[in-house]
Amino acid sequence: MPKIIQYRDKCIGCGICFELQPELWRMSRKDGKAVLLKAAAKKLTHVLQVTAQQYEEARAVSEACPVRVIKLG
């Protein structure tokens, strides 16, 4: 199953992920970084299994992230 992997500690909080895919992302009021909703935390990453359609939408998010902390697996 396709998945989105976020290296949250390196997020700069630009918000492009939330703008492009708001159903999967939120911006934290606490630290200003992006939160991948319903993701499982694994060490320094957050991982979310997604549908094929969400995966295709996430491709644009991954490419738009200025610090490349969103990966697809």
PDB file of N, CA and C in Angstrom:
ATOM      1  N   MET A   1       0.850  -1.184   0.000  1.00  0.00           N
ATOM      2  CA  MET A   1       0.000   0.000   0.000  1.00  0.00           C
ATOM      3  C   MET A   1       0.893   1.244   0.000  1.00  0.00           C
ATOM      4  N   PRO A   2       0.555   2.241  -0.836  1.00  0.00           N
ATOM      5  CA  PRO A   2       1.373   3.459  -0.889  1.00  0.00           C
ATOM      6  C   PRO A   2       1.320   4.220   0.434  1.00  0.00           C
ATOM      7  N   LYS A   3       2.394   4.962   0.679  1.00  0.00           N
ATOM      8  CA  LYS A   3       2.427   5.718   1.925  1.00  0.00           C
ATOM      9  C   LYS A   3       3.161   7.047   1.746  1.00  0.00           C
ATOM     10  N   ILE A   4       2.853   7.967   2.656  1.00  0.00           N
ATOM     11  CA  ILE A   4       3.509   9.265   2.726  1.00  0.00           C
ATOM     12  C   ILE A   4       4.394   9.238   3.956  1.00  0.00           C
ATOM     13  N   ILE A   5       5.617   9.715   3.785  1.00  0.00           N
ATOM     14  CA  ILE A   5       6.572   9.749   4.891  1.00  0.00           C
ATOM     15  C   ILE A   5       6.993  11.197   5.096  1.00  0.00           C
ATOM     16  N   GLN A   6       6.845  11.678   6.316  1.00  0.00           N
ATOM     17  CA  GLN A   6       7.216  13.059   6.629  1.00  0.00           C
ATOM     18  C   GLN A   6       8.340  13.062   7.673  1.00  0.00           C
ATOM     19  N   TYR A   7       9.383  13.819   7.402  1.00  0.00           N
ATOM     20  CA  TYR A   7      10.464  14.038   8.366  1.00  0.00           C
ATOM     21  C   TYR A   7      10.155  15.351   9.070  1.00  0.00           C
ATOM     22  N   ARG A   8       9.273  15.270  10.053  1.00  0.00           N
ATOM     23  CA  ARG A   8       8.680  16.460  10.661  1.00  0.00           C
ATOM     24  C   ARG A   8       9.704  17.363  11.328  1.00  0.00           C
ATOM     25  N   ASP A   9      10.758  16.819  11.876  1.00  0.00           N
ATOM     26  CA  ASP A   9      11.736  17.647  12.580  1.00  0.00           C
ATOM     27  C   ASP A   9      12.431  18.638  11.644  1.00  0.00           C
ATOM     28  N   LYS A  10      12.413  18.349  10.332  1.00  0.00           N
ATOM     29  CA  LYS A  10      13.060  19.234   9.361  1.00  0.00           C
ATOM     30  C   LYS A  10      12.078  20.165   8.658  1.00  0.00           C
ATOM     31  N   CYS A  11      10.803  20.079   8.997  1.00  0.00           N
ATOM     32  CA  CYS A  11       9.771  20.933   8.411  1.00  0.00           C
ATOM     33  C   CYS A  11      10.027  22.390   8.811  1.00  0.00           C
ATOM     34  N   ILE A  12       9.851  23.301   7.835  1.00  0.00           N
ATOM     35  CA  ILE A  12      10.042  24.727   8.125  1.00  0.00           C
ATOM     36  C   ILE A  12       8.703  25.442   8.300  1.00  0.00           C
ATOM     37  N   GLY A  13       7.593  24.717   8.134  1.00  0.00           N
ATOM     38  CA  GLY A  13       6.278  25.301   8.368  1.00  0.00           C
ATOM     39  C   GLY A  13       5.799  26.250   7.288  1.00  0.00           C
ATOM     40  N   CYS A  14       6.171  26.019   6.041  1.00  0.00           N
ATOM     41  CA  CYS A  14       5.753  26.907   4.956  1.00  0.00           C
ATOM     42  C   CYS A  14       4.262  26.757   4.632  1.00  0.00           C
ATOM     43  N   GLY A  15       3.693  25.569   4.896  1.00  0.00           N
ATOM     44  CA  GLY A  15       2.262  25.348   4.710  1.00  0.00           C
ATOM     45  C   GLY A  15       1.832  24.921   3.320  1.00  0.00           C
ATOM     46  N   ILE A  16       2.756  24.678   2.425  1.00  0.00           N
ATOM     47  CA  ILE A  16       2.375  24.285   1.065  1.00  0.00           C
ATOM     48  C   ILE A  16       1.649  22.932   1.062  1.00  0.00           C
ATOM     49  N   CYS A  17       2.028  22.032   1.948  1.00  0.00           N
ATOM     50  CA  CYS A  17       1.366  20.727   2.028  1.00  0.00           C
ATOM     51  C   CYS A  17      -0.110  20.900   2.416  1.00  0.00           C
ATOM     52  N   PHE A  18      -0.376  21.764   3.377  1.00  0.00           N
ATOM     53  CA  PHE A  18      -1.749  22.033   3.801  1.00  0.00           C
ATOM     54  C   PHE A  18      -2.544  22.693   2.683  1.00  0.00           C
ATOM     55  N   GLU A  19      -1.920  23.585   1.939  1.00  0.00           N
ATOM     56  CA  GLU A  19      -2.610  24.264   0.841  1.00  0.00           C
ATOM     57  C   GLU A  19      -2.964  23.302  -0.286  1.00  0.00           C
ATOM     58  N   LEU A  20      -2.078  22.351  -0.566  1.00  0.00           N
ATOM     59  CA  LEU A  20      -2.305  21.439  -1.688  1.00  0.00           C
ATOM     60  C   LEU A  20      -3.143  20.217  -1.340  1.00  0.00           C
ATOM     61  N   GLN A  21      -3.086  19.774  -0.086  1.00  0.00           N
ATOM     62  CA  GLN A  21      -3.800  18.553   0.294  1.00  0.00           C
ATOM     63  C   GLN A  21      -4.354  18.719   1.720  1.00  0.00           C
ATOM     64  N   PRO A  22      -5.302  19.625   1.899  1.00  0.00           N
ATOM     65  CA  PRO A  22      -5.782  19.944   3.256  1.00  0.00           C
ATOM     66  C   PRO A  22      -6.467  18.786   3.975  1.00  0.00           C
ATOM     67  N   GLU A  23      -6.910  17.763   3.248  1.00  0.00           N
ATOM     68  CA  GLU A  23      -7.556  16.635   3.915  1.00  0.00           C
ATOM     69  C   GLU A  23      -6.549  15.766   4.679  1.00  0.00           C
ATOM     70  N   LEU A  24      -5.257  15.908   4.376  1.00  0.00           N
ATOM     71  CA  LEU A  24      -4.246  15.089   5.058  1.00  0.00           C
ATOM     72  C   LEU A  24      -3.295  15.899   5.936  1.00  0.00           C
ATOM     73  N   TRP A  25      -3.300  17.225   5.820  1.00  0.00           N
ATOM     74  CA  TRP A  25      -2.316  18.045   6.525  1.00  0.00           C
ATOM     75  C   TRP A  25      -2.967  19.137   7.349  1.00  0.00           C
ATOM     76  N   ARG A  26      -2.355  19.472   8.461  1.00  0.00           N
ATOM     77  CA  ARG A  26      -2.717  20.621   9.281  1.00  0.00           C
ATOM     78  C   ARG A  26      -1.426  21.301   9.718  1.00  0.00           C
ATOM     79  N   MET A  27      -1.567  22.567  10.070  1.00  0.00           N
ATOM     80  CA  MET A  27      -0.417  23.294  10.603  1.00  0.00           C
ATOM     81  C   MET A  27      -0.573  23.363  12.125  1.00  0.00           C
ATOM     82  N   SER A  28       0.459  23.009  12.827  1.00  0.00           N
ATOM     83  CA  SER A  28       0.427  22.998  14.288  1.00  0.00           C
ATOM     84  C   SER A  28       0.479  24.420  14.829  1.00  0.00           C
ATOM     85  N   ARG A  29      -0.412  24.728  15.748  1.00  0.00           N
ATOM     86  CA  ARG A  29      -0.379  26.033  16.410  1.00  0.00           C
ATOM     87  C   ARG A  29       0.728  26.057  17.452  1.00  0.00           C
ATOM     88  N   LYS A  30       1.137  24.882  17.870  1.00  0.00           N
ATOM     89  CA  LYS A  30       2.137  24.769  18.930  1.00  0.00           C
ATOM     90  C   LYS A  30       3.539  25.119  18.428  1.00  0.00           C
ATOM     91  N   ASP A  31       3.951  24.495  17.304  1.00  0.00           N
ATOM     92  CA  ASP A  31       5.315  24.738  16.814  1.00  0.00           C
ATOM     93  C   ASP A  31       5.362  25.260  15.374  1.00  0.00           C
ATOM     94  N   GLY A  32       4.205  25.428  14.737  1.00  0.00           N
ATOM     95  CA  GLY A  32       4.158  25.996  13.395  1.00  0.00           C
ATOM     96  C   GLY A  32       4.531  25.038  12.280  1.00  0.00           C
ATOM     97  N   LYS A  33       4.764  23.782  12.612  1.00  0.00           N
ATOM     98  CA  LYS A  33       5.147  22.804  11.593  1.00  0.00           C
ATOM     99  C   LYS A  33       3.922  22.048  11.094  1.00  0.00           C
ATOM    100  N   ALA A  34       4.078  21.395   9.938  1.00  0.00           N
ATOM    101  CA  ALA A  34       2.995  20.614   9.362  1.00  0.00           C
ATOM    102  C   ALA A  34       2.797  19.311  10.132  1.00  0.00           C
ATOM    103  N   VAL A  35       1.532  18.919  10.222  1.00  0.00           N
ATOM    104  CA  VAL A  35       1.165  17.663  10.887  1.00  0.00           C
ATOM    105  C   VAL A  35       0.480  16.784   9.853  1.00  0.00           C
ATOM    106  N   LEU A  36       0.989  15.592   9.652  1.00  0.00           N
ATOM    107  CA  LEU A  36       0.362  14.613   8.760  1.00  0.00           C
ATOM    108  C   LEU A  36      -0.701  13.885   9.572  1.00  0.00           C
ATOM    109  N   LEU A  37      -1.952  14.169   9.281  1.00  0.00           N
ATOM    110  CA  LEU A  37      -3.052  13.660  10.092  1.00  0.00           C
ATOM    111  C   LEU A  37      -3.126  12.131  10.068  1.00  0.00           C
ATOM    112  N   LYS A  38      -3.405  11.564  11.219  1.00  0.00           N
ATOM    113  CA  LYS A  38      -3.583  10.110  11.411  1.00  0.00           C
ATOM    114  C   LYS A  38      -2.330   9.299  11.075  1.00  0.00           C
ATOM    115  N   ALA A  39      -1.182   9.953  11.048  1.00  0.00           N
ATOM    116  CA  ALA A  39       0.068   9.243  10.741  1.00  0.00           C
ATOM    117  C   ALA A  39       0.622   8.567  11.987  1.00  0.00           C
ATOM    118  N   ALA A  40       1.324   7.487  11.757  1.00  0.00           N
ATOM    119  CA  ALA A  40       2.005   6.777  12.839  1.00  0.00           C
ATOM    120  C   ALA A  40       3.421   7.328  12.979  1.00  0.00           C
ATOM    121  N   ALA A  41       3.814   7.652  14.187  1.00  0.00           N
ATOM    122  CA  ALA A  41       5.163   8.164  14.422  1.00  0.00           C
ATOM    123  C   ALA A  41       6.123   6.991  14.540  1.00  0.00           C
ATOM    124  N   LYS A  42       7.223   7.058  13.758  1.00  0.00           N
ATOM    125  CA  LYS A  42       8.261   6.034  13.800  1.00  0.00           C
ATOM    126  C   LYS A  42       9.598   6.742  13.867  1.00  0.00           C
ATOM    127  N   LYS A  43      10.228   6.734  15.017  1.00  0.00           N
ATOM    128  CA  LYS A  43      11.482   7.450  15.262  1.00  0.00           C
ATOM    129  C   LYS A  43      11.312   8.922  14.862  1.00  0.00           C
ATOM    130  N   LEU A  44      12.021   9.395  13.850  1.00  0.00           N
ATOM    131  CA  LEU A  44      11.939  10.798  13.466  1.00  0.00           C
ATOM    132  C   LEU A  44      10.979  11.039  12.298  1.00  0.00           C
ATOM    133  N   THR A  45      10.222  10.026  11.922  1.00  0.00           N
ATOM    134  CA  THR A  45       9.313  10.162  10.788  1.00  0.00           C
ATOM    135  C   THR A  45       7.869   9.945  11.211  1.00  0.00           C
ATOM    136  N   HIS A  46       6.978  10.431  10.360  1.00  0.00           N
ATOM    137  CA  HIS A  46       5.554  10.161  10.502  1.00  0.00           C
ATOM    138  C   HIS A  46       5.120   9.504   9.200  1.00  0.00           C
ATOM    139  N   VAL A  47       4.425   8.377   9.303  1.00  0.00           N
ATOM    140  CA  VAL A  47       4.082   7.581   8.130  1.00  0.00           C
ATOM    141  C   VAL A  47       2.573   7.366   8.085  1.00  0.00           C
ATOM    142  N   LEU A  48       2.015   7.582   6.894  1.00  0.00           N
ATOM    143  CA  LEU A  48       0.580   7.384   6.693  1.00  0.00           C
ATOM    144  C   LEU A  48       0.357   6.578   5.431  1.00  0.00           C
ATOM    145  N   GLN A  49      -0.374   5.483   5.554  1.00  0.00           N
ATOM    146  CA  GLN A  49      -0.746   4.715   4.367  1.00  0.00           C
ATOM    147  C   GLN A  49      -1.944   5.407   3.728  1.00  0.00           C
ATOM    148  N   VAL A  50      -1.913   5.539   2.400  1.00  0.00           N
ATOM    149  CA  VAL A  50      -2.947   6.287   1.682  1.00  0.00           C
ATOM    150  C   VAL A  50      -3.470   5.480   0.509  1.00  0.00           C
ATOM    151  N   THR A  51      -4.557   5.975  -0.048  1.00  0.00           N
ATOM    152  CA  THR A  51      -5.136   5.353  -1.239  1.00  0.00           C
ATOM    153  C   THR A  51      -4.309   5.744  -2.461  1.00  0.00           C
ATOM    154  N   ALA A  52      -4.547   5.078  -3.562  1.00  0.00           N
ATOM    155  CA  ALA A  52      -3.826   5.400  -4.795  1.00  0.00           C
ATOM    156  C   ALA A  52      -4.098   6.836  -5.234  1.00  0.00           C
ATOM    157  N   GLN A  53      -5.321   7.300  -5.076  1.00  0.00           N
ATOM    158  CA  GLN A  53      -5.663   8.677  -5.453  1.00  0.00           C
ATOM    159  C   GLN A  53      -4.940   9.680  -4.553  1.00  0.00           C
ATOM    160  N   GLN A  54      -4.934   9.433  -3.256  1.00  0.00           N
ATOM    161  CA  GLN A  54      -4.230  10.329  -2.329  1.00  0.00           C
ATOM    162  C   GLN A  54      -2.735  10.328  -2.621  1.00  0.00           C
ATOM    163  N   TYR A  55      -2.228   9.177  -3.012  1.00  0.00           N
ATOM    164  CA  TYR A  55      -0.808   9.060  -3.347  1.00  0.00           C
ATOM    165  C   TYR A  55      -0.462   9.958  -4.529  1.00  0.00           C
ATOM    166  N   GLU A  56      -1.300   9.940  -5.548  1.00  0.00           N
ATOM    167  CA  GLU A  56      -1.044  10.778  -6.722  1.00  0.00           C
ATOM    168  C   GLU A  56      -1.106  12.254  -6.364  1.00  0.00           C
ATOM    169  N   GLU A  57      -2.042  12.632  -5.514  1.00  0.00           N
ATOM    170  CA  GLU A  57      -2.128  14.027  -5.067  1.00  0.00           C
ATOM    171  C   GLU A  57      -0.908  14.391  -4.221  1.00  0.00           C
ATOM    172  N   ALA A  58      -0.430  13.435  -3.444  1.00  0.00           N
ATOM    173  CA  ALA A  58       0.720  13.677  -2.572  1.00  0.00           C
ATOM    174  C   ALA A  58       2.008  13.867  -3.370  1.00  0.00           C
ATOM    175  N   ARG A  59       2.026  13.373  -4.581  1.00  0.00           N
ATOM    176  CA  ARG A  59       3.207  13.548  -5.426  1.00  0.00           C
ATOM    177  C   ARG A  59       3.467  15.048  -5.649  1.00  0.00           C
ATOM    178  N   ALA A  60       2.403  15.802  -5.909  1.00  0.00           N
ATOM    179  CA  ALA A  60       2.545  17.254  -6.096  1.00  0.00           C
ATOM    180  C   ALA A  60       3.000  17.920  -4.798  1.00  0.00           C
ATOM    181  N   VAL A  61       2.493  17.423  -3.677  1.00  0.00           N
ATOM    182  CA  VAL A  61       2.888  17.972  -2.372  1.00  0.00           C
ATOM    183  C   VAL A  61       4.372  17.720  -2.134  1.00  0.00           C
ATOM    184  N   SER A  62       4.806  16.514  -2.403  1.00  0.00           N
ATOM    185  CA  SER A  62       6.205  16.155  -2.204  1.00  0.00           C
ATOM    186  C   SER A  62       7.129  17.016  -3.068  1.00  0.00           C
ATOM    187  N   GLU A  63       6.723  17.231  -4.297  1.00  0.00           N
ATOM    188  CA  GLU A  63       7.543  18.037  -5.206  1.00  0.00           C
ATOM    189  C   GLU A  63       7.543  19.515  -4.835  1.00  0.00           C
ATOM    190  N   ALA A  64       6.451  19.979  -4.224  1.00  0.00           N
ATOM    191  CA  ALA A  64       6.341  21.397  -3.868  1.00  0.00           C
ATOM    192  C   ALA A  64       7.028  21.735  -2.550  1.00  0.00           C
ATOM    193  N   CYS A  65       7.273  20.762  -1.709  1.00  0.00           N
ATOM    194  CA  CYS A  65       7.890  21.018  -0.407  1.00  0.00           C
ATOM    195  C   CYS A  65       9.305  21.596  -0.624  1.00  0.00           C
ATOM    196  N   PRO A  66       9.546  22.814  -0.141  1.00  0.00           N
ATOM    197  CA  PRO A  66      10.836  23.453  -0.411  1.00  0.00           C
ATOM    198  C   PRO A  66      12.031  22.794   0.282  1.00  0.00           C
ATOM    199  N   VAL A  67      11.799  22.056   1.344  1.00  0.00           N
ATOM    200  CA  VAL A  67      12.911  21.413   2.044  1.00  0.00           C
ATOM    201  C   VAL A  67      12.903  19.888   1.861  1.00  0.00           C
ATOM    202  N   ARG A  68      12.005  19.393   1.007  1.00  0.00           N
ATOM    203  CA  ARG A  68      11.969  17.972   0.621  1.00  0.00           C
ATOM    204  C   ARG A  68      11.896  17.022   1.825  1.00  0.00           C
ATOM    205  N   VAL A  69      11.021  17.345   2.758  1.00  0.00           N
ATOM    206  CA  VAL A  69      10.871  16.480   3.934  1.00  0.00           C
ATOM    207  C   VAL A  69       9.665  15.561   3.803  1.00  0.00           C
ATOM    208  N   ILE A  70       8.992  15.616   2.654  1.00  0.00           N
ATOM    209  CA  ILE A  70       7.849  14.740   2.396  1.00  0.00           C
ATOM    210  C   ILE A  70       8.256  13.776   1.298  1.00  0.00           C
ATOM    211  N   LYS A  71       8.245  12.503   1.645  1.00  0.00           N
ATOM    212  CA  LYS A  71       8.651  11.462   0.701  1.00  0.00           C
ATOM    213  C   LYS A  71       7.480  10.523   0.462  1.00  0.00           C
ATOM    214  N   LEU A  72       7.533   9.817  -0.659  1.00  0.00           N
ATOM    215  CA  LEU A  72       6.516   8.829  -0.979  1.00  0.00           C
ATOM    216  C   LEU A  72       7.152   7.452  -0.976  1.00  0.00           C
ATOM    217  N   GLY A  73       6.421   6.510  -0.464  1.00  0.00           N
ATOM    218  CA  GLY A  73       6.971   5.144  -0.404  1.00  0.00           C
ATOM    219  C   GLY A  73       5.995   4.121  -0.887  1.00  0.00           C
TER     220      GLY A  73
END
